[in-house]
Amino acid sequence: DQGLARYGYTVTDEISPTAVKRLVTGNGKAEKVEVAASVRKMLGLPEDYEFAAGYDDSDACAVVLAYLIANKLIDVEGAE
């Protein structure tokens, strides 16, 4: 939200953490490691790609991917 606000965008949609996990991994109770692995796969990143330590890069990517999947803006194999 804060990053987008810097560029004049306002976020009005909401998506729960459980929905993000379900849409990205297929499991609403997925652990952070599983979310990161699914994000890597969806983005075509190598399995050994390391997200920045101390940041929630993979979580942020997962939220964006979940929004795109939920709104049928991208087609992801195996996504609900």
C-alpha atoms as a PDB file:
ATOM      1  CA  ASP A   1       0.000   0.000   0.000  1.00  0.00           C
ATOM      2  CA  GLN A   2       2.717   2.448   0.959  1.00  0.00           C
ATOM      3  CA  GLY A   3       4.773   1.834  -2.156  1.00  0.00           C
ATOM      4  CA  LEU A   4       1.794   2.358  -4.432  1.00  0.00           C
ATOM      5  CA  ALA A   5       0.719   5.445  -2.488  1.00  0.00           C
ATOM      6  CA  ARG A   6       4.041   7.084  -3.365  1.00  0.00           C
ATOM      7  CA  TYR A   7       2.959   6.945  -6.993  1.00  0.00           C
ATOM      8  CA  GLY A   8      -0.579   8.165  -6.355  1.00  0.00           C
ATOM      9  CA  TYR A   9      -2.315   4.789  -6.316  1.00  0.00           C
ATOM     10  CA  THR A  10      -4.789   3.743  -3.651  1.00  0.00           C
ATOM     11  CA  VAL A  11      -5.448   0.110  -2.830  1.00  0.00           C
ATOM     12  CA  THR A  12      -9.118  -0.586  -2.200  1.00  0.00           C
ATOM     13  CA  ASP A  13      -9.271  -4.341  -2.731  1.00  0.00           C
ATOM     14  CA  GLU A  14      -8.678  -6.761   0.111  1.00  0.00           C
ATOM     15  CA  ILE A  15      -7.490 -10.343   0.016  1.00  0.00           C
ATOM     16  CA  SER A  16      -6.949 -12.479   3.089  1.00  0.00           C
ATOM     17  CA  PRO A  17      -3.647 -14.227   3.806  1.00  0.00           C
ATOM     18  CA  THR A  18      -5.459 -17.564   3.558  1.00  0.00           C
ATOM     19  CA  ALA A  19      -6.806 -16.684   0.102  1.00  0.00           C
ATOM     20  CA  VAL A  20      -3.339 -15.606  -1.051  1.00  0.00           C
ATOM     21  CA  LYS A  21      -1.848 -18.896   0.109  1.00  0.00           C
ATOM     22  CA  ARG A  22      -4.666 -20.927  -1.443  1.00  0.00           C
ATOM     23  CA  LEU A  23      -4.490 -19.158  -4.795  1.00  0.00           C
ATOM     24  CA  VAL A  24      -0.710 -19.289  -5.035  1.00  0.00           C
ATOM     25  CA  THR A  25       0.024 -22.708  -3.516  1.00  0.00           C
ATOM     26  CA  GLY A  26      -3.307 -24.533  -3.507  1.00  0.00           C
ATOM     27  CA  ASN A  27      -3.140 -24.740   0.303  1.00  0.00           C
ATOM     28  CA  GLY A  28      -4.659 -22.015   2.473  1.00  0.00           C
ATOM     29  CA  LYS A  29      -2.400 -23.023   5.339  1.00  0.00           C
ATOM     30  CA  ALA A  30       0.864 -23.075   3.376  1.00  0.00           C
ATOM     31  CA  GLU A  31       4.040 -22.062   5.150  1.00  0.00           C
ATOM     32  CA  LYS A  32       6.233 -19.166   4.025  1.00  0.00           C
ATOM     33  CA  VAL A  33       8.698 -21.588   2.391  1.00  0.00           C
ATOM     34  CA  GLU A  34       5.905 -23.113   0.294  1.00  0.00           C
ATOM     35  CA  VAL A  35       4.633 -19.684  -0.756  1.00  0.00           C
ATOM     36  CA  ALA A  36       8.142 -18.641  -1.805  1.00  0.00           C
ATOM     37  CA  ALA A  37       8.579 -21.864  -3.807  1.00  0.00           C
ATOM     38  CA  SER A  38       5.284 -21.296  -5.629  1.00  0.00           C
ATOM     39  CA  VAL A  39       6.196 -17.685  -6.377  1.00  0.00           C
ATOM     40  CA  ARG A  40       9.534 -18.824  -7.829  1.00  0.00           C
ATOM     41  CA  LYS A  41       7.767 -21.381  -9.999  1.00  0.00           C
ATOM     42  CA  MET A  42       5.112 -18.941 -11.250  1.00  0.00           C
ATOM     43  CA  LEU A  43       7.695 -16.292 -12.072  1.00  0.00           C
ATOM     44  CA  GLY A  44      10.037 -18.762 -13.738  1.00  0.00           C
ATOM     45  CA  LEU A  45      12.802 -18.129 -11.218  1.00  0.00           C
ATOM     46  CA  PRO A  46      15.393 -20.796 -10.439  1.00  0.00           C
ATOM     47  CA  GLU A  47      14.585 -23.022  -7.467  1.00  0.00           C
ATOM     48  CA  ASP A  48      17.652 -21.680  -5.665  1.00  0.00           C
ATOM     49  CA  TYR A  49      16.684 -18.018  -6.152  1.00  0.00           C
ATOM     50  CA  GLU A  50      16.997 -16.264  -2.800  1.00  0.00           C
ATOM     51  CA  PHE A  51      14.577 -13.490  -1.925  1.00  0.00           C
ATOM     52  CA  ALA A  52      16.165 -10.597  -0.010  1.00  0.00           C
ATOM     53  CA  ALA A  53      16.731 -11.486   3.647  1.00  0.00           C
ATOM     54  CA  GLY A  54      14.643  -9.500   6.113  1.00  0.00           C
ATOM     55  CA  TYR A  55      12.132  -8.438   3.487  1.00  0.00           C
ATOM     56  CA  ASP A  56       8.810  -9.934   2.534  1.00  0.00           C
ATOM     57  CA  ASP A  57       9.521  -9.948  -1.195  1.00  0.00           C
ATOM     58  CA  SER A  58       8.021 -13.380  -1.796  1.00  0.00           C
ATOM     59  CA  ASP A  59       4.908 -12.479   0.222  1.00  0.00           C
ATOM     60  CA  ALA A  60       4.441  -9.254  -1.743  1.00  0.00           C
ATOM     61  CA  CYS A  61       4.789 -11.151  -5.018  1.00  0.00           C
ATOM     62  CA  ALA A  62       2.309 -13.738  -3.755  1.00  0.00           C
ATOM     63  CA  VAL A  63      -0.273 -11.042  -2.990  1.00  0.00           C
ATOM     64  CA  VAL A  64       0.067  -9.575  -6.477  1.00  0.00           C
ATOM     65  CA  LEU A  65      -0.096 -13.005  -8.108  1.00  0.00           C
ATOM     66  CA  ALA A  66      -3.144 -13.963  -6.031  1.00  0.00           C
ATOM     67  CA  TYR A  67      -4.922 -10.750  -7.048  1.00  0.00           C
ATOM     68  CA  LEU A  68      -4.140 -11.387 -10.719  1.00  0.00           C
ATOM     69  CA  ILE A  69      -5.281 -15.016 -10.486  1.00  0.00           C
ATOM     70  CA  ALA A  70      -8.474 -14.181  -8.564  1.00  0.00           C
ATOM     71  CA  ASN A  71      -9.423 -11.517 -11.096  1.00  0.00           C
ATOM     72  CA  LYS A  72      -8.563 -13.784 -14.028  1.00  0.00           C
ATOM     73  CA  LEU A  73      -5.940 -11.341 -15.279  1.00  0.00           C
ATOM     74  CA  ILE A  74      -3.375 -14.115 -15.635  1.00  0.00           C
ATOM     75  CA  ASP A  75      -3.785 -17.786 -16.340  1.00  0.00           C
ATOM     76  CA  VAL A  76      -1.705 -20.009 -14.111  1.00  0.00           C
ATOM     77  CA  GLU A  77      -1.643 -23.754 -14.558  1.00  0.00           C
ATOM     78  CA  GLY A  78      -3.203 -25.395 -11.512  1.00  0.00           C
ATOM     79  CA  ALA A  79      -4.595 -22.155 -10.070  1.00  0.00           C
ATOM     80  CA  GLU A  80      -8.168 -22.092  -8.815  1.00  0.00           C
END
